[in-house]
Structure formats: structure tokens, C-alpha cells
Amino acid sequence: MRPKTLPAAASGVLMGSALAWRDGHFQLLPALAALAVALLLQIGSNVANDVYDFERGTDTSERQGPLRVTQAGLLTPAQVKRGMWIIFALAAGLGLYLAFLRGWVVIAIGLAAILSAIAYTGGPFPLGYYGLGDLFVFIFFGVAAVAGTYFVQAGSVSAAAWWMSLPVGLIITAILVVNNLRDIENDRKGNKLTLAVRLGVRGTRVEYLLCMVGAYLIVPLAAALGLIPWAGLLAWLSLPLAIKTARTVFTQAGRPLNAALAGTGQVALSFSLLFGVGLVVS
């Protein structure tokens, strides 16, 4: 399940819910359902990645990342796939409740998210093997998570929700960037042509920096445009953690990057939480 990555899934829902609260649209049950769906989609994606990377021969004993249960032989591929489908079925069940509230658009987004989670490493065109993983993570765990959470509570999406989905998406994409940076050599051997493999170590570190810097600069820009209050800049209080994590990304390689991966997930969560506090203060 890779619990250290789960704060990232929660961050988009927190951002969307904070903005819905500010606009007087917050609804507890839809917010909780959106949170559960986001977490289940993240877990399902992780489980799918575990089994499909093994079947494609990418996950070997040379990996520098945390334990993968399929590669380690703790579970069979069939067992992991059964678990994956159960997780996605639970997400779909909760999605039906949200669709009952807001219509077919929720179903379309949910199905697209599940298919993308599976297609990241599975299916005839695995997105992660063609360097498209970063884009799809940005879309579904950033834009769709924030705007979708706002939508299931308000019935529409504000300009602020669209704007603030961008920094969330960028930070969560940075988590994948760290993951792929750590696995560059192993992925190259397995012919998994992630964007990190294509860019190389230096280029991937630059991508990480651009994601993080871009995320923090969007907040004052949105405030200057009058979309959010200036108190939203409280999100910048997460900057020391972001700097600490970035230092690891730029100075370490291999297994030590696992700490940076978890740290970037913590940045995503703290960024959204502090932004929400800023809205309350304002």
C-alpha cells in the first residue's frame, strides 16, 4: 500500500474542501467520501504498480526502493491482482454515492482515474513505460482531486479551485519524480522509459525543482489575482520541509531517496493543511 505516499492523496481533498468551506459549500459526507476515494485510488495504483512491474521484469532484487510484495514472493501475482480489484471496487462503490449527488461527470472521472491507475504500468500501453506517468499523476492526483472534491460539494468548480489544483498537482508529481530518479538505472535495464530515464539524473533533479518552485509561486500569483486571500501564503510555512527534502534530492542517490519520497509526500499534506489554516485566519 506504500503508506508513506498516502498523504499526497489526502492533500488534494484537503485543498478542495478548504476552498469549498471558504465559499460556503462545505459538506462533510461528500468530503469524507472524496477522501476515501482518493486514498483507495492511490492504494490501488500502488498495488497495480507492484504486480505489473514484476510481471514486466522491471522489479528485481537490484531495486533501491521499499519492499515489493510480488517481487519478494510474499504474495502471488493472482493474489495481488485480486486485492487490486477489491480496492478499486470499493472506490467505485463510494464513487456511486458521489455520482448520485452530482451526476454522470463523477462516474466519467472515476472510471478514467481507475483505468489510468491500472494503465500506469499495466495493459498494452503502460503509461509509465513511455514517460507519461508524470502528466497523468498531475492530472488525476492534482487537478481532478482538488477540482473534483470542490465539485462534489458545490456542484460547480470555482476559479480558485482550478488555480489551487496546480500547486497540489505539481508537488504530487514531484513525488513520482523522486521515485523515478531513485530507480533510473533499474528502470533503464528493464526498458521502462520513464521521463527520468529520458532526462537523466541532472534533468530529473531540475524537473523536481521546477515542480516545487512552481507550486510555491502559484500561491502569491493567485492571491495577486484576487482569487484567494493573502493569508493563503501560510502554505509557505511548509517551505523549510520542502528545502530539506530538495537538498536530499540534489545530494543523494539510490536508497537514501526513499526519505525524500516520503518527505515530498509530507510537503504536499502540510502545504494543503497550512493553506486551509490561512483560509480560516482570513
C-alpha atoms as a PDB file:
ATOM      1  CA  MET A   1       0.000   0.000   0.000  1.00  0.00           C
ATOM      2  CA  ARG A   2       3.049   2.260   0.489  1.00  0.00           C
ATOM      3  CA  PRO A   3       1.529   4.312   3.329  1.00  0.00           C
ATOM      4  CA  LYS A   4       4.242   6.977   3.110  1.00  0.00           C
ATOM      5  CA  THR A   5       2.781   8.097  -0.234  1.00  0.00           C
ATOM      6  CA  LEU A   6      -0.805   8.398   1.047  1.00  0.00           C
ATOM      7  CA  PRO A   7      -0.531  11.953   2.452  1.00  0.00           C
ATOM      8  CA  ALA A   8      -0.288  13.062  -1.165  1.00  0.00           C
ATOM      9  CA  ALA A   9      -3.711  11.593  -1.963  1.00  0.00           C
ATOM     10  CA  ALA A  10      -5.215  13.386   1.039  1.00  0.00           C
ATOM     11  CA  SER A  11      -3.676  16.757   0.157  1.00  0.00           C
ATOM     12  CA  GLY A  12      -5.846  17.346  -2.912  1.00  0.00           C
ATOM     13  CA  VAL A  13      -9.046  16.576  -0.992  1.00  0.00           C
ATOM     14  CA  LEU A  14      -7.963  18.888   1.837  1.00  0.00           C
ATOM     15  CA  MET A  15      -7.292  21.692  -0.629  1.00  0.00           C
ATOM     16  CA  GLY A  16     -10.632  21.262  -2.397  1.00  0.00           C
ATOM     17  CA  SER A  17     -12.536  21.021   0.884  1.00  0.00           C
ATOM     18  CA  ALA A  18     -10.826  24.112   2.341  1.00  0.00           C
ATOM     19  CA  LEU A  19     -11.816  26.148  -0.716  1.00  0.00           C
ATOM     20  CA  ALA A  20     -15.384  24.764  -0.575  1.00  0.00           C
ATOM     21  CA  TRP A  21     -15.569  25.766   3.104  1.00  0.00           C
ATOM     22  CA  ARG A  22     -14.390  29.300   2.290  1.00  0.00           C
ATOM     23  CA  ASP A  23     -17.128  29.651  -0.331  1.00  0.00           C
ATOM     24  CA  GLY A  24     -19.843  28.286   1.987  1.00  0.00           C
ATOM     25  CA  HIS A  25     -20.245  24.956   0.174  1.00  0.00           C
ATOM     26  CA  PHE A  26     -18.552  22.513   2.546  1.00  0.00           C
ATOM     27  CA  GLN A  27     -20.412  19.223   3.084  1.00  0.00           C
ATOM     28  CA  LEU A  28     -18.923  16.667   5.444  1.00  0.00           C
ATOM     29  CA  LEU A  29     -20.171  13.385   3.949  1.00  0.00           C
ATOM     30  CA  PRO A  30     -19.187  14.178   0.327  1.00  0.00           C
ATOM     31  CA  ALA A  31     -15.805  15.435   1.591  1.00  0.00           C
ATOM     32  CA  LEU A  32     -15.189  12.220   3.539  1.00  0.00           C
ATOM     33  CA  ALA A  33     -16.287  10.100   0.568  1.00  0.00           C
ATOM     34  CA  ALA A  34     -13.936  12.042  -1.710  1.00  0.00           C
ATOM     35  CA  LEU A  35     -11.099  11.471   0.769  1.00  0.00           C
ATOM     36  CA  ALA A  36     -11.791   7.728   0.915  1.00  0.00           C
ATOM     37  CA  VAL A  37     -11.963   7.503  -2.895  1.00  0.00           C
ATOM     38  CA  ALA A  38      -8.679   9.404  -3.282  1.00  0.00           C
ATOM     39  CA  LEU A  39      -6.908   7.141  -0.777  1.00  0.00           C
ATOM     40  CA  LEU A  40      -8.325   3.980  -2.372  1.00  0.00           C
ATOM     41  CA  LEU A  41      -7.269   5.120  -5.839  1.00  0.00           C
ATOM     42  CA  GLN A  42      -3.744   5.808  -4.569  1.00  0.00           C
ATOM     43  CA  ILE A  43      -3.574   2.428  -2.826  1.00  0.00           C
ATOM     44  CA  GLY A  44      -4.999   0.656  -5.878  1.00  0.00           C
ATOM     45  CA  SER A  45      -2.456   2.356  -8.108  1.00  0.00           C
ATOM     46  CA  ASN A  46       0.366   1.297  -5.789  1.00  0.00           C
ATOM     47  CA  VAL A  47      -0.835  -2.304  -5.717  1.00  0.00           C
ATOM     48  CA  ALA A  48      -1.212  -2.387  -9.509  1.00  0.00           C
ATOM     49  CA  ASN A  49       2.296  -0.974  -9.867  1.00  0.00           C
ATOM     50  CA  ASP A  50       3.617  -3.684  -7.532  1.00  0.00           C
ATOM     51  CA  VAL A  51       2.301  -6.583  -9.608  1.00  0.00           C
ATOM     52  CA  TYR A  52       2.615  -5.215 -13.150  1.00  0.00           C
ATOM     53  CA  ASP A  53       6.204  -4.018 -12.732  1.00  0.00           C
ATOM     54  CA  PHE A  54       7.044  -7.522 -11.508  1.00  0.00           C
ATOM     55  CA  GLU A  55       5.336  -9.171 -14.475  1.00  0.00           C
ATOM     56  CA  ARG A  56       7.206  -6.913 -16.894  1.00  0.00           C
ATOM     57  CA  GLY A  57      10.510  -7.813 -15.267  1.00  0.00           C
ATOM     58  CA  THR A  58      11.243  -4.292 -14.026  1.00  0.00           C
ATOM     59  CA  ASP A  59      11.167  -5.117 -10.316  1.00  0.00           C
ATOM     60  CA  THR A  60      14.230  -7.181  -9.457  1.00  0.00           C
ATOM     61  CA  SER A  61      16.355  -7.769  -6.376  1.00  0.00           C
ATOM     62  CA  GLU A  62      18.506  -4.813  -7.503  1.00  0.00           C
ATOM     63  CA  ARG A  63      15.745  -2.274  -6.747  1.00  0.00           C
ATOM     64  CA  GLN A  64      16.674   0.508  -4.339  1.00  0.00           C
ATOM     65  CA  GLY A  65      13.099   1.201  -3.254  1.00  0.00           C
ATOM     66  CA  PRO A  66      10.991  -0.257  -0.415  1.00  0.00           C
ATOM     67  CA  LEU A  67       9.914  -3.891  -0.456  1.00  0.00           C
ATOM     68  CA  ARG A  68       7.583  -5.000  -3.257  1.00  0.00           C
ATOM     69  CA  VAL A  69       5.449  -7.925  -2.130  1.00  0.00           C
ATOM     70  CA  THR A  70       5.114  -9.601  -5.542  1.00  0.00           C
ATOM     71  CA  GLN A  71       8.827  -9.447  -6.336  1.00  0.00           C
ATOM     72  CA  ALA A  72       9.679 -10.677  -2.821  1.00  0.00           C
ATOM     73  CA  GLY A  73       7.335 -13.646  -3.207  1.00  0.00           C
ATOM     74  CA  LEU A  74       5.203 -12.675  -0.196  1.00  0.00           C
ATOM     75  CA  LEU A  75       2.082 -12.768  -2.381  1.00  0.00           C
ATOM     76  CA  THR A  76       1.417 -14.302  -5.788  1.00  0.00           C
ATOM     77  CA  PRO A  77       0.526 -12.087  -8.754  1.00  0.00           C
ATOM     78  CA  ALA A  78      -3.001 -13.532  -8.705  1.00  0.00           C
ATOM     79  CA  GLN A  79      -3.430 -12.605  -5.038  1.00  0.00           C
ATOM     80  CA  VAL A  80      -2.180  -9.066  -5.588  1.00  0.00           C
ATOM     81  CA  LYS A  81      -4.486  -8.594  -8.586  1.00  0.00           C
ATOM     82  CA  ARG A  82      -7.476  -9.801  -6.559  1.00  0.00           C
ATOM     83  CA  GLY A  83      -6.593  -7.260  -3.897  1.00  0.00           C
ATOM     84  CA  MET A  84      -6.256  -4.569  -6.555  1.00  0.00           C
ATOM     85  CA  TRP A  85      -9.742  -5.244  -7.946  1.00  0.00           C
ATOM     86  CA  ILE A  86     -11.272  -5.273  -4.453  1.00  0.00           C
ATOM     87  CA  ILE A  87      -9.692  -1.875  -3.731  1.00  0.00           C
ATOM     88  CA  PHE A  88     -10.938  -0.377  -6.999  1.00  0.00           C
ATOM     89  CA  ALA A  89     -14.407  -1.883  -6.397  1.00  0.00           C
ATOM     90  CA  LEU A  90     -14.549  -0.112  -3.031  1.00  0.00           C
ATOM     91  CA  ALA A  91     -13.524   3.153  -4.682  1.00  0.00           C
ATOM     92  CA  ALA A  92     -16.198   2.668  -7.366  1.00  0.00           C
ATOM     93  CA  GLY A  93     -18.853   1.957  -4.725  1.00  0.00           C
ATOM     94  CA  LEU A  94     -18.123   5.232  -2.943  1.00  0.00           C
ATOM     95  CA  GLY A  95     -17.960   6.933  -6.313  1.00  0.00           C
ATOM     96  CA  LEU A  96     -21.546   5.867  -6.998  1.00  0.00           C
ATOM     97  CA  TYR A  97     -22.640   7.782  -3.895  1.00  0.00           C
ATOM     98  CA  LEU A  98     -20.885  10.899  -5.206  1.00  0.00           C
ATOM     99  CA  ALA A  99     -22.383  10.296  -8.655  1.00  0.00           C
ATOM    100  CA  PHE A 100     -25.835  10.151  -7.055  1.00  0.00           C
ATOM    101  CA  LEU A 101     -25.154  13.638  -5.713  1.00  0.00           C
ATOM    102  CA  ARG A 102     -23.564  15.209  -8.796  1.00  0.00           C
ATOM    103  CA  GLY A 103     -24.324  13.063 -11.836  1.00  0.00           C
ATOM    104  CA  TRP A 104     -22.537  11.217 -14.611  1.00  0.00           C
ATOM    105  CA  VAL A 105     -19.496  13.520 -14.644  1.00  0.00           C
ATOM    106  CA  VAL A 106     -18.312  11.894 -11.399  1.00  0.00           C
ATOM    107  CA  ILE A 107     -18.626   8.423 -12.958  1.00  0.00           C
ATOM    108  CA  ALA A 108     -16.616   9.501 -16.011  1.00  0.00           C
ATOM    109  CA  ILE A 109     -13.819  10.966 -13.873  1.00  0.00           C
ATOM    110  CA  GLY A 110     -13.786   7.926 -11.588  1.00  0.00           C
ATOM    111  CA  LEU A 111     -13.570   5.414 -14.437  1.00  0.00           C
ATOM    112  CA  ALA A 112     -10.818   7.441 -16.102  1.00  0.00           C
ATOM    113  CA  ALA A 113      -8.888   7.537 -12.813  1.00  0.00           C
ATOM    114  CA  ILE A 114      -9.165   3.757 -12.296  1.00  0.00           C
ATOM    115  CA  LEU A 115      -8.160   2.993 -15.876  1.00  0.00           C
ATOM    116  CA  SER A 116      -5.183   5.350 -15.615  1.00  0.00           C
ATOM    117  CA  ALA A 117      -4.105   3.805 -12.301  1.00  0.00           C
ATOM    118  CA  ILE A 118      -4.052   0.371 -13.924  1.00  0.00           C
ATOM    119  CA  ALA A 119      -2.569   1.620 -17.191  1.00  0.00           C
ATOM    120  CA  TYR A 120       0.349   3.301 -15.414  1.00  0.00           C
ATOM    121  CA  THR A 121       2.243   0.008 -15.506  1.00  0.00           C
ATOM    122  CA  GLY A 122      -0.371  -2.470 -16.845  1.00  0.00           C
ATOM    123  CA  GLY A 123      -2.166  -3.069 -20.108  1.00  0.00           C
ATOM    124  CA  PRO A 124      -0.944  -2.875 -23.709  1.00  0.00           C
ATOM    125  CA  PHE A 125       0.286   0.729 -23.378  1.00  0.00           C
ATOM    126  CA  PRO A 126       1.724   1.232 -19.872  1.00  0.00           C
ATOM    127  CA  LEU A 127       1.905   4.993 -19.388  1.00  0.00           C
ATOM    128  CA  GLY A 128       4.877   4.898 -17.040  1.00  0.00           C
ATOM    129  CA  TYR A 129       6.956   2.983 -19.587  1.00  0.00           C
ATOM    130  CA  TYR A 130       6.505   5.736 -22.165  1.00  0.00           C
ATOM    131  CA  GLY A 131       7.306   8.727 -19.965  1.00  0.00           C
ATOM    132  CA  LEU A 132       3.652   9.765 -19.478  1.00  0.00           C
ATOM    133  CA  GLY A 133       3.334   8.957 -15.794  1.00  0.00           C
ATOM    134  CA  ASP A 134       4.188  12.472 -14.617  1.00  0.00           C
ATOM    135  CA  LEU A 135       1.442  14.039 -16.745  1.00  0.00           C
ATOM    136  CA  PHE A 136      -1.262  11.626 -15.587  1.00  0.00           C
ATOM    137  CA  VAL A 137      -0.296  11.962 -11.928  1.00  0.00           C
ATOM    138  CA  PHE A 138      -0.566  15.744 -12.273  1.00  0.00           C
ATOM    139  CA  ILE A 139      -3.997  15.466 -13.894  1.00  0.00           C
ATOM    140  CA  PHE A 140      -5.642  12.933 -11.589  1.00  0.00           C
ATOM    141  CA  PHE A 141      -3.967  13.466  -8.207  1.00  0.00           C
ATOM    142  CA  GLY A 142      -3.770  17.230  -8.632  1.00  0.00           C
ATOM    143  CA  VAL A 143      -6.341  18.830 -10.913  1.00  0.00           C
ATOM    144  CA  ALA A 144      -9.039  16.140 -10.687  1.00  0.00           C
ATOM    145  CA  ALA A 145      -8.590  15.645  -6.929  1.00  0.00           C
ATOM    146  CA  VAL A 146      -8.906  19.328  -5.977  1.00  0.00           C
ATOM    147  CA  ALA A 147     -11.496  20.360  -8.562  1.00  0.00           C
ATOM    148  CA  GLY A 148     -13.416  17.098  -8.112  1.00  0.00           C
ATOM    149  CA  THR A 149     -13.572  17.467  -4.329  1.00  0.00           C
ATOM    150  CA  TYR A 150     -14.844  21.010  -4.713  1.00  0.00           C
ATOM    151  CA  PHE A 151     -17.374  19.904  -7.341  1.00  0.00           C
ATOM    152  CA  VAL A 152     -18.983  17.110  -5.296  1.00  0.00           C
ATOM    153  CA  GLN A 153     -19.635  19.628  -2.526  1.00  0.00           C
ATOM    154  CA  ALA A 154     -20.552  22.748  -4.519  1.00  0.00           C
ATOM    155  CA  GLY A 155     -21.915  21.386  -7.801  1.00  0.00           C
ATOM    156  CA  SER A 156     -19.516  23.609  -9.742  1.00  0.00           C
ATOM    157  CA  VAL A 157     -15.807  24.473  -9.726  1.00  0.00           C
ATOM    158  CA  SER A 158     -14.549  27.924  -8.782  1.00  0.00           C
ATOM    159  CA  ALA A 159     -11.630  29.664 -10.437  1.00  0.00           C
ATOM    160  CA  ALA A 160      -9.741  29.419  -7.146  1.00  0.00           C
ATOM    161  CA  ALA A 161     -10.190  25.633  -7.097  1.00  0.00           C
ATOM    162  CA  TRP A 162      -8.825  25.326 -10.631  1.00  0.00           C
ATOM    163  CA  TRP A 163      -5.830  27.507  -9.763  1.00  0.00           C
ATOM    164  CA  MET A 164      -5.023  25.795  -6.463  1.00  0.00           C
ATOM    165  CA  SER A 165      -5.199  22.370  -8.075  1.00  0.00           C
ATOM    166  CA  LEU A 166      -1.988  23.307  -9.883  1.00  0.00           C
ATOM    167  CA  PRO A 167       0.401  23.504  -6.884  1.00  0.00           C
ATOM    168  CA  VAL A 168      -1.067  20.323  -5.415  1.00  0.00           C
ATOM    169  CA  GLY A 169      -0.569  18.545  -8.732  1.00  0.00           C
ATOM    170  CA  LEU A 170       2.995  19.810  -9.050  1.00  0.00           C
ATOM    171  CA  ILE A 171       4.039  18.657  -5.572  1.00  0.00           C
ATOM    172  CA  ILE A 172       2.442  15.231  -6.026  1.00  0.00           C
ATOM    173  CA  THR A 173       4.138  14.917  -9.411  1.00  0.00           C
ATOM    174  CA  ALA A 174       7.405  15.673  -7.608  1.00  0.00           C
ATOM    175  CA  ILE A 175       6.825  12.532  -5.518  1.00  0.00           C
ATOM    176  CA  LEU A 176       6.813  10.451  -8.691  1.00  0.00           C
ATOM    177  CA  VAL A 177       9.887  12.342  -9.915  1.00  0.00           C
ATOM    178  CA  VAL A 178      11.812  11.287  -6.784  1.00  0.00           C
ATOM    179  CA  ASN A 179      10.625   7.705  -7.188  1.00  0.00           C
ATOM    180  CA  ASN A 180      11.773   7.586 -10.798  1.00  0.00           C
ATOM    181  CA  LEU A 181      15.050   9.348 -10.012  1.00  0.00           C
ATOM    182  CA  ARG A 182      15.868   6.637  -7.479  1.00  0.00           C
ATOM    183  CA  ASP A 183      15.010   3.897  -9.980  1.00  0.00           C
ATOM    184  CA  ILE A 184      16.697   5.322 -13.088  1.00  0.00           C
ATOM    185  CA  GLU A 185      19.277   2.568 -13.524  1.00  0.00           C
ATOM    186  CA  ASN A 186      16.896  -0.274 -12.700  1.00  0.00           C
ATOM    187  CA  ASP A 187      14.202   1.150 -14.991  1.00  0.00           C
ATOM    188  CA  ARG A 188      16.694   1.631 -17.813  1.00  0.00           C
ATOM    189  CA  LYS A 189      17.689  -2.030 -17.571  1.00  0.00           C
ATOM    190  CA  GLY A 190      14.022  -3.051 -17.624  1.00  0.00           C
ATOM    191  CA  ASN A 191      13.309  -0.813 -20.627  1.00  0.00           C
ATOM    192  CA  LYS A 192      10.935   1.284 -18.523  1.00  0.00           C
ATOM    193  CA  LEU A 193      11.459   4.619 -20.271  1.00  0.00           C
ATOM    194  CA  THR A 194      10.167   6.970 -17.592  1.00  0.00           C
ATOM    195  CA  LEU A 195      10.662  10.685 -18.022  1.00  0.00           C
ATOM    196  CA  ALA A 196      13.528  10.375 -15.530  1.00  0.00           C
ATOM    197  CA  VAL A 197      15.262   7.794 -17.736  1.00  0.00           C
ATOM    198  CA  ARG A 198      14.825  10.102 -20.715  1.00  0.00           C
ATOM    199  CA  LEU A 199      16.037  13.234 -18.887  1.00  0.00           C
ATOM    200  CA  GLY A 200      18.874  11.649 -16.923  1.00  0.00           C
ATOM    201  CA  VAL A 201      19.812  12.392 -13.311  1.00  0.00           C
ATOM    202  CA  ARG A 202      20.542  16.088 -13.784  1.00  0.00           C
ATOM    203  CA  GLY A 203      17.432  16.734 -15.858  1.00  0.00           C
ATOM    204  CA  THR A 204      15.232  14.868 -13.385  1.00  0.00           C
ATOM    205  CA  ARG A 205      16.562  16.936 -10.486  1.00  0.00           C
ATOM    206  CA  VAL A 206      15.763  20.077 -12.468  1.00  0.00           C
ATOM    207  CA  GLU A 207      12.243  18.732 -13.077  1.00  0.00           C
ATOM    208  CA  TYR A 208      11.822  18.218  -9.328  1.00  0.00           C
ATOM    209  CA  LEU A 209      12.991  21.762  -8.621  1.00  0.00           C
ATOM    210  CA  LEU A 210      10.641  23.236 -11.228  1.00  0.00           C
ATOM    211  CA  CYS A 211       7.678  21.341  -9.769  1.00  0.00           C
ATOM    212  CA  MET A 212       8.376  22.542  -6.227  1.00  0.00           C
ATOM    213  CA  VAL A 213       9.245  26.148  -7.097  1.00  0.00           C
ATOM    214  CA  GLY A 214       6.239  26.391  -9.406  1.00  0.00           C
ATOM    215  CA  ALA A 215       3.925  25.117  -6.678  1.00  0.00           C
ATOM    216  CA  TYR A 216       5.014  27.783  -4.198  1.00  0.00           C
ATOM    217  CA  LEU A 217       4.948  30.639  -6.726  1.00  0.00           C
ATOM    218  CA  ILE A 218       1.368  29.913  -7.792  1.00  0.00           C
ATOM    219  CA  VAL A 219       0.041  30.869  -4.329  1.00  0.00           C
ATOM    220  CA  PRO A 220       1.097  34.563  -4.378  1.00  0.00           C
ATOM    221  CA  LEU A 221       0.101  34.767  -8.038  1.00  0.00           C
ATOM    222  CA  ALA A 222      -3.421  33.534  -7.221  1.00  0.00           C
ATOM    223  CA  ALA A 223      -3.565  35.980  -4.306  1.00  0.00           C
ATOM    224  CA  ALA A 224      -2.439  38.870  -6.545  1.00  0.00           C
ATOM    225  CA  LEU A 225      -5.228  37.987  -8.979  1.00  0.00           C
ATOM    226  CA  GLY A 226      -7.737  38.183  -6.131  1.00  0.00           C
ATOM    227  CA  LEU A 227      -8.666  34.505  -6.319  1.00  0.00           C
ATOM    228  CA  ILE A 228      -7.557  33.649  -2.786  1.00  0.00           C
ATOM    229  CA  PRO A 229      -6.787  35.735   0.327  1.00  0.00           C
ATOM    230  CA  TRP A 230      -3.183  36.645   1.009  1.00  0.00           C
ATOM    231  CA  ALA A 231      -3.421  34.551   4.189  1.00  0.00           C
ATOM    232  CA  GLY A 232      -3.175  31.552   1.861  1.00  0.00           C
ATOM    233  CA  LEU A 233       0.538  32.294   1.892  1.00  0.00           C
ATOM    234  CA  LEU A 234       0.633  30.415   5.196  1.00  0.00           C
ATOM    235  CA  ALA A 235       1.221  27.444   2.887  1.00  0.00           C
ATOM    236  CA  TRP A 236       4.741  28.833   2.580  1.00  0.00           C
ATOM    237  CA  LEU A 237       5.397  27.726   6.179  1.00  0.00           C
ATOM    238  CA  SER A 238       5.931  24.267   4.676  1.00  0.00           C
ATOM    239  CA  LEU A 239       8.881  25.672   2.713  1.00  0.00           C
ATOM    240  CA  PRO A 240      11.594  24.601   5.237  1.00  0.00           C
ATOM    241  CA  LEU A 241      10.471  20.984   4.874  1.00  0.00           C
ATOM    242  CA  ALA A 242      10.456  21.385   1.089  1.00  0.00           C
ATOM    243  CA  ILE A 243      14.002  22.796   1.136  1.00  0.00           C
ATOM    244  CA  LYS A 244      15.230  19.987   3.368  1.00  0.00           C
ATOM    245  CA  THR A 245      13.718  17.401   1.032  1.00  0.00           C
ATOM    246  CA  ALA A 246      15.073  19.111  -2.082  1.00  0.00           C
ATOM    247  CA  ARG A 247      18.559  19.075  -0.569  1.00  0.00           C
ATOM    248  CA  THR A 248      18.312  15.283  -0.284  1.00  0.00           C
ATOM    249  CA  VAL A 249      17.130  15.018  -3.889  1.00  0.00           C
ATOM    250  CA  PHE A 250      20.103  17.048  -5.122  1.00  0.00           C
ATOM    251  CA  THR A 251      22.787  15.392  -2.987  1.00  0.00           C
ATOM    252  CA  GLN A 252      21.757  11.742  -2.663  1.00  0.00           C
ATOM    253  CA  ALA A 253      21.095   8.800  -4.958  1.00  0.00           C
ATOM    254  CA  GLY A 254      19.642   5.332  -4.643  1.00  0.00           C
ATOM    255  CA  ARG A 255      18.149   4.134  -1.362  1.00  0.00           C
ATOM    256  CA  PRO A 256      18.538   7.462   0.568  1.00  0.00           C
ATOM    257  CA  LEU A 257      15.989   8.968  -1.836  1.00  0.00           C
ATOM    258  CA  ASN A 258      13.284   6.917  -0.090  1.00  0.00           C
ATOM    259  CA  ALA A 259      13.403   9.541   2.666  1.00  0.00           C
ATOM    260  CA  ALA A 260      12.975  12.308   0.083  1.00  0.00           C
ATOM    261  CA  LEU A 261       9.996  10.480  -1.399  1.00  0.00           C
ATOM    262  CA  ALA A 262       8.265  10.340   1.982  1.00  0.00           C
ATOM    263  CA  GLY A 263       9.334  13.922   2.707  1.00  0.00           C
ATOM    264  CA  THR A 264       7.756  15.212  -0.506  1.00  0.00           C
ATOM    265  CA  GLY A 265       4.505  13.490   0.482  1.00  0.00           C
ATOM    266  CA  GLN A 266       4.677  15.310   3.821  1.00  0.00           C
ATOM    267  CA  VAL A 267       5.251  18.583   1.981  1.00  0.00           C
ATOM    268  CA  ALA A 268       2.091  18.002  -0.087  1.00  0.00           C
ATOM    269  CA  LEU A 269      -0.005  17.383   3.025  1.00  0.00           C
ATOM    270  CA  SER A 270       1.439  20.247   5.086  1.00  0.00           C
ATOM    271  CA  PHE A 271       1.104  22.639   2.124  1.00  0.00           C
ATOM    272  CA  SER A 272      -2.651  21.971   1.877  1.00  0.00           C
ATOM    273  CA  LEU A 273      -3.189  21.962   5.635  1.00  0.00           C
ATOM    274  CA  LEU A 274      -1.411  25.282   6.121  1.00  0.00           C
ATOM    275  CA  PHE A 275      -3.278  26.782   3.172  1.00  0.00           C
ATOM    276  CA  GLY A 276      -6.520  25.713   4.849  1.00  0.00           C
ATOM    277  CA  VAL A 277      -5.408  27.351   8.097  1.00  0.00           C
ATOM    278  CA  GLY A 278      -4.743  30.513   6.099  1.00  0.00           C
ATOM    279  CA  LEU A 279      -8.318  30.491   4.806  1.00  0.00           C
ATOM    280  CA  VAL A 280      -9.624  30.130   8.360  1.00  0.00           C
ATOM    281  CA  VAL A 281      -7.413  33.008   9.559  1.00  0.00           C
ATOM    282  CA  SER A 282      -8.618  35.214   6.714  1.00  0.00           C
END
